[in-house]
PDB file of N, CA and C in Angstrom:
ATOM      1  N   MET A   1     149.107  53.146 134.131  1.00  0.00           N
ATOM      2  CA  MET A   1     149.326  52.731 135.620  1.00  0.00           C
ATOM      3  C   MET A   1     149.933  53.926 136.576  1.00  0.00           C
ATOM      4  N   ALA A   2     149.401  53.804 137.701  1.00  0.00           N
ATOM      5  CA  ALA A   2     150.529  54.882 138.422  1.00  0.00           C
ATOM      6  C   ALA A   2     150.425  53.960 139.972  1.00  0.00           C
ATOM      7  N   ASP A   3     152.353  54.162 140.544  1.00  0.00           N
ATOM      8  CA  ASP A   3     152.597  53.298 141.395  1.00  0.00           C
ATOM      9  C   ASP A   3     151.826  53.938 143.177  1.00  0.00           C
ATOM     10  N   ALA A   4     151.712  53.338 143.007  1.00  0.00           N
ATOM     11  CA  ALA A   4     150.778  54.342 144.686  1.00  0.00           C
ATOM     12  C   ALA A   4     151.255  53.092 145.925  1.00  0.00           C
ATOM     13  N   GLY A   5     152.688  52.917 145.684  1.00  0.00           N
ATOM     14  CA  GLY A   5     153.647  52.230 146.827  1.00  0.00           C
ATOM     15  C   GLY A   5     153.675  51.520 147.104  1.00  0.00           C
ATOM     16  N   PRO A   6     154.185  51.093 148.127  1.00  0.00           N
ATOM     17  CA  PRO A   6     154.737  49.467 149.189  1.00  0.00           C
ATOM     18  C   PRO A   6     153.131  48.803 149.812  1.00  0.00           C
ATOM     19  N   VAL A   7     152.978  47.053 149.151  1.00  0.00           N
ATOM     20  CA  VAL A   7     150.850  47.286 149.620  1.00  0.00           C
ATOM     21  C   VAL A   7     150.825  47.559 151.024  1.00  0.00           C
ATOM     22  N   THR A   8     152.234  46.613 151.510  1.00  0.00           N
ATOM     23  CA  THR A   8     151.809  46.881 153.131  1.00  0.00           C
ATOM     24  C   THR A   8     151.841  48.418 153.019  1.00  0.00           C
ATOM     25  N   ASP A   9     151.926  48.851 152.971  1.00  0.00           N
ATOM     26  CA  ASP A   9     151.490  50.665 153.696  1.00  0.00           C
ATOM     27  C   ASP A   9     149.989  50.565 153.748  1.00  0.00           C
ATOM     28  N   ALA A  10     148.898  49.841 153.371  1.00  0.00           N
ATOM     29  CA  ALA A  10     147.491  49.428 152.555  1.00  0.00           C
ATOM     30  C   ALA A  10     146.856  49.054 153.954  1.00  0.00           C
ATOM     31  N   PHE A  11     148.534  48.535 154.873  1.00  0.00           N
ATOM     32  CA  PHE A  11     148.084  46.883 156.034  1.00  0.00           C
ATOM     33  C   PHE A  11     147.155  47.714 157.326  1.00  0.00           C
ATOM     34  N   GLY A  12     147.318  49.290 156.879  1.00  0.00           N
ATOM     35  CA  GLY A  12     147.033  50.109 158.436  1.00  0.00           C
ATOM     36  C   GLY A  12     146.736  51.257 159.100  1.00  0.00           C
ATOM     37  N   PRO A  13     147.338  52.482 159.815  1.00  0.00           N
ATOM     38  CA  PRO A  13     147.394  52.715 159.336  1.00  0.00           C
ATOM     39  C   PRO A  13     148.920  53.176 159.882  1.00  0.00           C
ATOM     40  N   TYR A  14     148.971  52.993 160.224  1.00  0.00           N
ATOM     41  CA  TYR A  14     150.659  52.710 161.551  1.00  0.00           C
ATOM     42  C   TYR A  14     151.399  51.893 160.502  1.00  0.00           C
ATOM     43  N   ALA A  15     151.494  50.961 159.714  1.00  0.00           N
ATOM     44  CA  ALA A  15     151.959  50.917 158.333  1.00  0.00           C
ATOM     45  C   ALA A  15     153.116  51.037 158.592  1.00  0.00           C
ATOM     46  N   PRO A  16     152.520  52.378 156.943  1.00  0.00           N
ATOM     47  CA  PRO A  16     153.156  52.637 156.787  1.00  0.00           C
ATOM     48  C   PRO A  16     154.856  53.431 158.176  1.00  0.00           C
ATOM     49  N   TYR A  17     154.875  52.872 159.092  1.00  0.00           N
ATOM     50  CA  TYR A  17     155.978  53.666 159.795  1.00  0.00           C
ATOM     51  C   TYR A  17     156.702  52.546 160.513  1.00  0.00           C
ATOM     52  N   ARG A  18     155.803  50.880 160.493  1.00  0.00           N
ATOM     53  CA  ARG A  18     156.293  50.174 161.292  1.00  0.00           C
ATOM     54  C   ARG A  18     157.748  49.243 160.206  1.00  0.00           C
ATOM     55  N   PRO A  19     159.109  48.221 161.287  1.00  0.00           N
ATOM     56  CA  PRO A  19     159.976  47.996 159.986  1.00  0.00           C
ATOM     57  C   PRO A  19     159.199  47.075 159.131  1.00  0.00           C
ATOM     58  N   ILE A  20     159.978  47.040 157.489  1.00  0.00           N
ATOM     59  CA  ILE A  20     159.992  46.385 156.485  1.00  0.00           C
ATOM     60  C   ILE A  20     159.641  45.252 157.120  1.00  0.00           C
ATOM     61  N   GLY A  21     161.110  45.186 157.376  1.00  0.00           N
ATOM     62  CA  GLY A  21     161.498  43.219 157.991  1.00  0.00           C
ATOM     63  C   GLY A  21     159.866  42.555 158.700  1.00  0.00           C
ATOM     64  N   ASP A  22     159.293  43.731 159.542  1.00  0.00           N
ATOM     65  CA  ASP A  22     157.917  43.100 159.986  1.00  0.00           C
ATOM     66  C   ASP A  22     157.308  42.878 159.619  1.00  0.00           C
ATOM     67  N   LEU A  23     156.781  43.702 158.824  1.00  0.00           N
ATOM     68  CA  LEU A  23     155.946  43.840 157.221  1.00  0.00           C
ATOM     69  C   LEU A  23     155.757  42.191 156.869  1.00  0.00           C
ATOM     70  N   LYS A  24     157.539  42.279 156.840  1.00  0.00           N
ATOM     71  CA  LYS A  24     157.582  41.293 155.539  1.00  0.00           C
ATOM     72  C   LYS A  24     156.904  40.268 156.352  1.00  0.00           C
ATOM     73  N   ARG A  25     157.119  40.219 157.285  1.00  0.00           N
ATOM     74  CA  ARG A  25     157.396  38.377 157.814  1.00  0.00           C
ATOM     75  C   ARG A  25     155.484  38.060 157.380  1.00  0.00           C
ATOM     76  N   THR A  26     154.876  39.274 157.083  1.00  0.00           N
ATOM     77  CA  THR A  26     153.554  38.969 157.651  1.00  0.00           C
ATOM     78  C   THR A  26     152.459  39.422 156.480  1.00  0.00           C
ATOM     79  N   ASP A  27     152.927  39.872 156.319  1.00  0.00           N
ATOM     80  CA  ASP A  27     152.077  40.481 154.867  1.00  0.00           C
ATOM     81  C   ASP A  27     151.841  38.782 153.278  1.00  0.00           C
ATOM     82  N   GLY A  28     152.254  37.222 153.621  1.00  0.00           N
ATOM     83  CA  GLY A  28     151.758  36.309 152.549  1.00  0.00           C
ATOM     84  C   GLY A  28     152.228  36.473 151.401  1.00  0.00           C
ATOM     85  N   LEU A  29     152.755  37.196 150.790  1.00  0.00           N
ATOM     86  CA  LEU A  29     153.264  37.464 149.826  1.00  0.00           C
ATOM     87  C   LEU A  29     154.834  36.464 150.092  1.00  0.00           C
ATOM     88  N   VAL A  30     155.752  36.454 149.198  1.00  0.00           N
ATOM     89  CA  VAL A  30     156.956  35.338 148.538  1.00  0.00           C
ATOM     90  C   VAL A  30     158.228  36.936 149.037  1.00  0.00           C
ATOM     91  N   ASP A  31     157.994  37.826 149.560  1.00  0.00           N
ATOM     92  CA  ASP A  31     159.247  38.620 149.830  1.00  0.00           C
ATOM     93  C   ASP A  31     160.181  38.749 150.705  1.00  0.00           C
ATOM     94  N   LEU A  32     160.121  38.563 151.129  1.00  0.00           N
ATOM     95  CA  LEU A  32     161.518  37.591 152.748  1.00  0.00           C
ATOM     96  C   LEU A  32     162.527  37.585 151.848  1.00  0.00           C
ATOM     97  N   GLY A  33     163.924  38.433 152.025  1.00  0.00           N
ATOM     98  CA  GLY A  33     164.943  37.526 151.384  1.00  0.00           C
ATOM     99  C   GLY A  33     165.225  37.304 150.023  1.00  0.00           C
ATOM    100  N   ALA A  34     163.226  37.106 149.387  1.00  0.00           N
ATOM    101  CA  ALA A  34     163.818  37.638 147.762  1.00  0.00           C
ATOM    102  C   ALA A  34     164.086  38.253 147.458  1.00  0.00           C
ATOM    103  N   GLY A  35     164.429  40.314 147.625  1.00  0.00           N
ATOM    104  CA  GLY A  35     165.173  41.258 147.365  1.00  0.00           C
ATOM    105  C   GLY A  35     163.806  42.505 146.600  1.00  0.00           C
ATOM    106  N   VAL A  36     162.848  41.444 146.739  1.00  0.00           N
ATOM    107  CA  VAL A  36     162.065  42.449 145.850  1.00  0.00           C
ATOM    108  C   VAL A  36     160.759  42.749 147.069  1.00  0.00           C
ATOM    109  N   CYS A  37     159.715  44.141 147.086  1.00  0.00           N
ATOM    110  CA  CYS A  37     159.091  44.545 147.403  1.00  0.00           C
ATOM    111  C   CYS A  37     157.934  44.946 146.383  1.00  0.00           C
ATOM    112  N   PHE A  38     156.506  44.406 147.121  1.00  0.00           N
ATOM    113  CA  PHE A  38     155.075  44.729 146.199  1.00  0.00           C
ATOM    114  C   PHE A  38     154.591  46.005 146.200  1.00  0.00           C
ATOM    115  N   HIS A  39     154.737  46.635 144.951  1.00  0.00           N
ATOM    116  CA  HIS A  39     153.800  47.736 145.294  1.00  0.00           C
ATOM    117  C   HIS A  39     152.482  47.535 144.533  1.00  0.00           C
ATOM    118  N   LEU A  40     151.837  48.714 144.445  1.00  0.00           N
ATOM    119  CA  LEU A  40     149.925  49.068 144.296  1.00  0.00           C
ATOM    120  C   LEU A  40     150.152  49.307 143.302  1.00  0.00           C
ATOM    121  N   LEU A  41     149.626  48.955 141.949  1.00  0.00           N
ATOM    122  CA  LEU A  41     149.494  50.072 140.997  1.00  0.00           C
ATOM    123  C   LEU A  41     148.496  50.047 140.591  1.00  0.00           C
ATOM    124  N   GLU A  42     147.496  51.462 140.869  1.00  0.00           N
ATOM    125  CA  GLU A  42     146.856  52.175 139.963  1.00  0.00           C
ATOM    126  C   GLU A  42     146.143  52.888 138.707  1.00  0.00           C
ATOM    127  N   CYS A  43     144.804  52.602 138.275  1.00  0.00           N
ATOM    128  CA  CYS A  43     145.009  52.798 137.549  1.00  0.00           C
ATOM    129  C   CYS A  43     143.831  53.866 137.132  1.00  0.00           C
ATOM    130  N   GLY A  44     144.355  54.896 137.063  1.00  0.00           N
ATOM    131  CA  GLY A  44     143.807  56.268 136.703  1.00  0.00           C
ATOM    132  C   GLY A  44     142.463  56.377 136.241  1.00  0.00           C
ATOM    133  N   ARG A  45     142.339  55.604 134.923  1.00  0.00           N
ATOM    134  CA  ARG A  45     141.260  55.628 134.172  1.00  0.00           C
ATOM    135  C   ARG A  45     140.318  55.248 134.586  1.00  0.00           C
ATOM    136  N   CYS A  46     140.568  53.308 134.392  1.00  0.00           N
ATOM    137  CA  CYS A  46     139.343  52.405 134.838  1.00  0.00           C
ATOM    138  C   CYS A  46     139.874  52.433 135.736  1.00  0.00           C
ATOM    139  N   GLY A  47     140.822  52.271 137.455  1.00  0.00           N
ATOM    140  CA  GLY A  47     140.634  52.411 138.970  1.00  0.00           C
ATOM    141  C   GLY A  47     140.511  50.629 138.639  1.00  0.00           C
ATOM    142  N   GLY A  48     141.450  49.825 137.938  1.00  0.00           N
ATOM    143  CA  GLY A  48     141.667  48.522 137.957  1.00  0.00           C
ATOM    144  C   GLY A  48     143.127  48.744 139.242  1.00  0.00           C
ATOM    145  N   ARG A  49     143.931  47.915 139.867  1.00  0.00           N
ATOM    146  CA  ARG A  49     143.927  47.560 140.675  1.00  0.00           C
ATOM    147  C   ARG A  49     145.111  46.671 141.229  1.00  0.00           C
ATOM    148  N   THR A  50     147.184  45.911 140.347  1.00  0.00           N
ATOM    149  CA  THR A  50     147.490  45.275 140.532  1.00  0.00           C
ATOM    150  C   THR A  50     148.960  44.933 141.235  1.00  0.00           C
ATOM    151  N   LEU A  51     149.408  44.158 141.318  1.00  0.00           N
ATOM    152  CA  LEU A  51     150.898  44.731 142.611  1.00  0.00           C
ATOM    153  C   LEU A  51     151.349  43.669 141.529  1.00  0.00           C
ATOM    154  N   ARG A  52     152.562  44.336 141.966  1.00  0.00           N
ATOM    155  CA  ARG A  52     153.919  44.353 141.318  1.00  0.00           C
ATOM    156  C   ARG A  52     154.949  44.300 142.163  1.00  0.00           C
ATOM    157  N   PRO A  53     155.520  43.404 141.460  1.00  0.00           N
ATOM    158  CA  PRO A  53     157.713  42.676 142.774  1.00  0.00           C
ATOM    159  C   PRO A  53     158.201  44.038 141.628  1.00  0.00           C
ATOM    160  N   VAL A  54     159.198  45.002 143.301  1.00  0.00           N
ATOM    161  CA  VAL A  54     160.201  45.950 142.236  1.00  0.00           C
ATOM    162  C   VAL A  54     160.923  46.383 143.263  1.00  0.00           C
ATOM    163  N   ARG A  55     161.995  45.911 141.885  1.00  0.00           N
ATOM    164  CA  ARG A  55     163.834  45.035 143.216  1.00  0.00           C
ATOM    165  C   ARG A  55     164.615  45.750 144.287  1.00  0.00           C
ATOM    166  N   GLU A  56     165.178  45.911 145.260  1.00  0.00           N
ATOM    167  CA  GLU A  56     165.407  46.896 146.166  1.00  0.00           C
ATOM    168  C   GLU A  56     165.956  47.618 146.006  1.00  0.00           C
ATOM    169  N   ILE A  57     167.187  48.062 146.525  1.00  0.00           N
ATOM    170  CA  ILE A  57     167.896  48.548 146.279  1.00  0.00           C
ATOM    171  C   ILE A  57     168.599  48.728 147.886  1.00  0.00           C
ATOM    172  N   PRO A  58     169.750  47.476 147.694  1.00  0.00           N
ATOM    173  CA  PRO A  58     170.185  46.986 149.119  1.00  0.00           C
ATOM    174  C   PRO A  58     170.817  49.458 150.071  1.00  0.00           C
ATOM    175  N   GLY A  59     170.216  49.200 150.949  1.00  0.00           N
ATOM    176  CA  GLY A  59     170.103  50.664 152.163  1.00  0.00           C
ATOM    177  C   GLY A  59     170.921  50.235 153.320  1.00  0.00           C
ATOM    178  N   PRO A  60     171.531  51.075 153.894  1.00  0.00           N
ATOM    179  CA  PRO A  60     172.030  50.937 155.503  1.00  0.00           C
ATOM    180  C   PRO A  60     171.765  50.015 156.039  1.00  0.00           C
ATOM    181  N   GLU A  61     173.236  49.141 156.937  1.00  0.00           N
ATOM    182  CA  GLU A  61     172.966  48.639 157.793  1.00  0.00           C
ATOM    183  C   GLU A  61     172.427  49.407 159.015  1.00  0.00           C
ATOM    184  N   PRO A  62     171.033  48.599 159.519  1.00  0.00           N
ATOM    185  CA  PRO A  62     170.804  48.602 160.914  1.00  0.00           C
ATOM    186  C   PRO A  62     171.901  48.983 161.752  1.00  0.00           C
ATOM    187  N   ALA A  63     172.141  49.937 162.599  1.00  0.00           N
ATOM    188  CA  ALA A  63     172.659  50.303 163.777  1.00  0.00           C
ATOM    189  C   ALA A  63     171.557  49.610 164.983  1.00  0.00           C
ATOM    190  N   ARG A  64     173.083  48.678 165.192  1.00  0.00           N
ATOM    191  CA  ARG A  64     172.559  47.695 166.465  1.00  0.00           C
ATOM    192  C   ARG A  64     172.863  48.044 167.761  1.00  0.00           C
TER     193      ARG A  64
END
């Protein structure tokens, strides 16, 4: 399985450019406040796809 990135990136052409917090409020997954980001994994052989939680690495606080 290859990591195809955050599942929220597949929500539309501008999704990768939206703040991740906004996407997590509307993605229907239990990722907001859980410290995880759901990534889409794809199999190059059979074409199978699945979601897996990936632990988030804390980044710098956004500027206010």
